[in-house]
């Protein structure tokens, strides 16, 4: 996907299905522009499904978007703590992948990965 095509993903980020949101987040995380990074962060802190937000955190990590560390630290205390997951079954190939159990957990892992300390 070309950087100028990133706005095309907005409709998919707003879609009610979390599989659609995940696909859009993953596509966006392959576009290394300031606008794409900002959109990933906006998705993380805005509306969207929990597991798709975990993928947004991983997208920020993939892009090495360390400029968001202080904003992530500010978001961390209010990050959603509801359990997330991909909803698969034992035959799903993702079953062997370790995922953070909440958005807050994912954000905390990234803050620590980038050398920050968890607030509070």
Protein backbone atom coordinates (compact mmCIF):
# COMPACT_ATOMS: atom_id res chain seq x y z
CA UNK A 1 0.00 0.00 0.00
CA UNK A 2 1.30 3.43 -0.86
CA UNK A 3 1.36 6.09 1.89
CA UNK A 4 -1.10 8.29 0.02
CA UNK A 5 -3.61 5.41 0.11
CA UNK A 6 -3.68 5.23 3.94
CA UNK A 7 -6.90 7.29 4.22
CA UNK A 8 -8.68 4.47 2.38
CA UNK A 9 -8.28 2.38 5.54
CA UNK A 10 -10.44 4.70 7.66
CA UNK A 11 -13.67 3.01 6.62
CA UNK A 12 -12.24 -0.33 7.71
CA UNK A 13 -10.97 1.04 11.02
CA UNK A 14 -14.54 2.20 11.75
CA UNK A 15 -16.13 -1.10 10.70
CA UNK A 16 -17.93 -2.91 13.55
CA UNK A 17 -16.22 -6.26 12.86
CA UNK A 18 -12.99 -6.71 14.76
CA UNK A 19 -11.44 -8.93 12.06
CA UNK A 20 -11.88 -6.05 9.61
CA UNK A 21 -10.38 -3.60 12.13
CA UNK A 22 -7.41 -5.91 12.72
CA UNK A 23 -6.71 -6.14 9.00
CA UNK A 24 -6.87 -2.36 8.64
CA UNK A 25 -4.59 -1.81 11.65
CA UNK A 26 -2.06 -4.31 10.33
CA UNK A 27 -2.09 -2.66 6.89
CA UNK A 28 -1.70 0.77 8.47
CA UNK A 29 1.25 -0.46 10.53
CA UNK A 30 3.12 -1.17 7.30
CA UNK A 31 2.97 2.48 6.24
CA UNK A 32 5.81 4.32 7.91
CA UNK A 33 4.59 7.90 7.84
CA UNK A 34 3.77 10.37 10.57
CA UNK A 35 0.11 10.38 9.50
CA UNK A 36 -0.12 6.57 9.68
CA UNK A 37 1.47 6.54 13.13
CA UNK A 38 -0.94 9.22 14.34
CA UNK A 39 -3.89 7.27 12.94
CA UNK A 40 -2.75 4.10 14.73
CA UNK A 41 -2.51 6.01 18.01
CA UNK A 42 -5.92 7.62 17.43
CA UNK A 43 -7.43 4.19 16.83
CA UNK A 44 -5.80 2.86 19.99
CA UNK A 45 -7.19 5.64 22.16
CA UNK A 46 -10.55 5.93 20.40
CA UNK A 47 -13.33 3.63 19.30
CA UNK A 48 -12.55 0.10 18.29
CA UNK A 49 -12.44 -3.48 19.47
CA UNK A 50 -9.98 -4.45 22.20
CA UNK A 51 -8.03 -7.05 20.26
CA UNK A 52 -7.70 -4.69 17.27
CA UNK A 53 -6.31 -2.10 19.69
CA UNK A 54 -3.73 -4.64 20.88
CA UNK A 55 -2.73 -5.03 17.23
CA UNK A 56 -2.44 -1.21 17.01
CA UNK A 57 0.02 -1.30 19.92
CA UNK A 58 2.00 -3.97 18.11
CA UNK A 59 1.85 -1.79 14.98
CA UNK A 60 3.37 1.15 16.85
CA UNK A 61 6.08 -1.21 18.07
CA UNK A 62 6.67 -2.50 14.53
CA UNK A 63 7.08 1.09 13.34
CA UNK A 64 9.37 1.85 16.31
CA UNK A 65 7.17 4.89 16.98
CA UNK A 66 9.01 5.86 20.18
CA UNK A 67 7.80 9.42 19.83
CA UNK A 68 4.51 8.12 21.28
CA UNK A 69 6.01 6.84 24.52
CA UNK A 70 4.96 9.82 26.62
CA UNK A 71 1.47 9.75 25.11
CA UNK A 72 1.24 6.02 25.81
CA UNK A 73 2.33 6.65 29.40
CA UNK A 74 -0.44 9.25 29.72
CA UNK A 75 -2.99 6.83 28.20
CA UNK A 76 -1.89 3.83 30.29
CA UNK A 77 -3.84 4.59 33.52
CA UNK A 78 -7.12 4.74 31.58
CA UNK A 79 -6.38 2.02 29.03
CA UNK A 80 -9.07 -0.68 28.80
CA UNK A 81 -8.52 -3.62 31.13
CA UNK A 82 -11.17 -5.91 29.64
CA UNK A 83 -9.82 -9.27 28.54
CA UNK A 84 -9.11 -9.45 24.81
CA UNK A 85 -8.44 -12.31 22.45
CA UNK A 86 -8.85 -13.40 18.89
CA UNK A 87 -11.71 -15.79 19.65
CA UNK A 88 -10.18 -18.78 17.89
CA UNK A 89 -10.41 -22.43 18.72
CA UNK A 90 -7.78 -25.11 19.23
CA UNK A 91 -7.40 -25.56 15.46
CA UNK A 92 -6.65 -21.88 14.90
CA UNK A 93 -2.95 -21.43 13.98
CA UNK A 94 -2.72 -18.36 16.24
CA UNK A 95 -3.37 -20.52 19.30
CA UNK A 96 0.38 -20.86 19.91
CA UNK A 97 1.01 -17.11 19.84
CA UNK A 98 1.17 -15.27 23.14
CA UNK A 99 -1.01 -12.16 23.16
CA UNK A 100 -1.41 -9.54 25.90
CA UNK A 101 -4.64 -10.18 27.79
CA UNK A 102 -5.82 -6.56 27.62
CA UNK A 103 -5.13 -3.28 25.88
CA UNK A 104 -3.61 -1.95 29.11
CA UNK A 105 -1.27 -4.94 29.29
CA UNK A 106 -0.16 -4.40 25.68
CA UNK A 107 0.46 -0.69 26.26
CA UNK A 108 2.39 -1.46 29.45
CA UNK A 109 4.57 -4.00 27.66
CA UNK A 110 5.43 -1.47 24.95
CA UNK A 111 6.22 1.29 27.44
CA UNK A 112 8.58 -1.05 29.29
CA UNK A 113 10.07 -2.33 26.03
CA UNK A 114 10.99 1.24 25.13
CA UNK A 115 12.62 1.79 28.52
CA UNK A 116 9.78 3.66 30.20
CA UNK A 117 8.28 3.10 33.60
CA UNK A 118 4.63 2.35 34.12
CA UNK A 119 2.78 5.24 35.72
CA UNK A 120 1.13 4.72 39.09
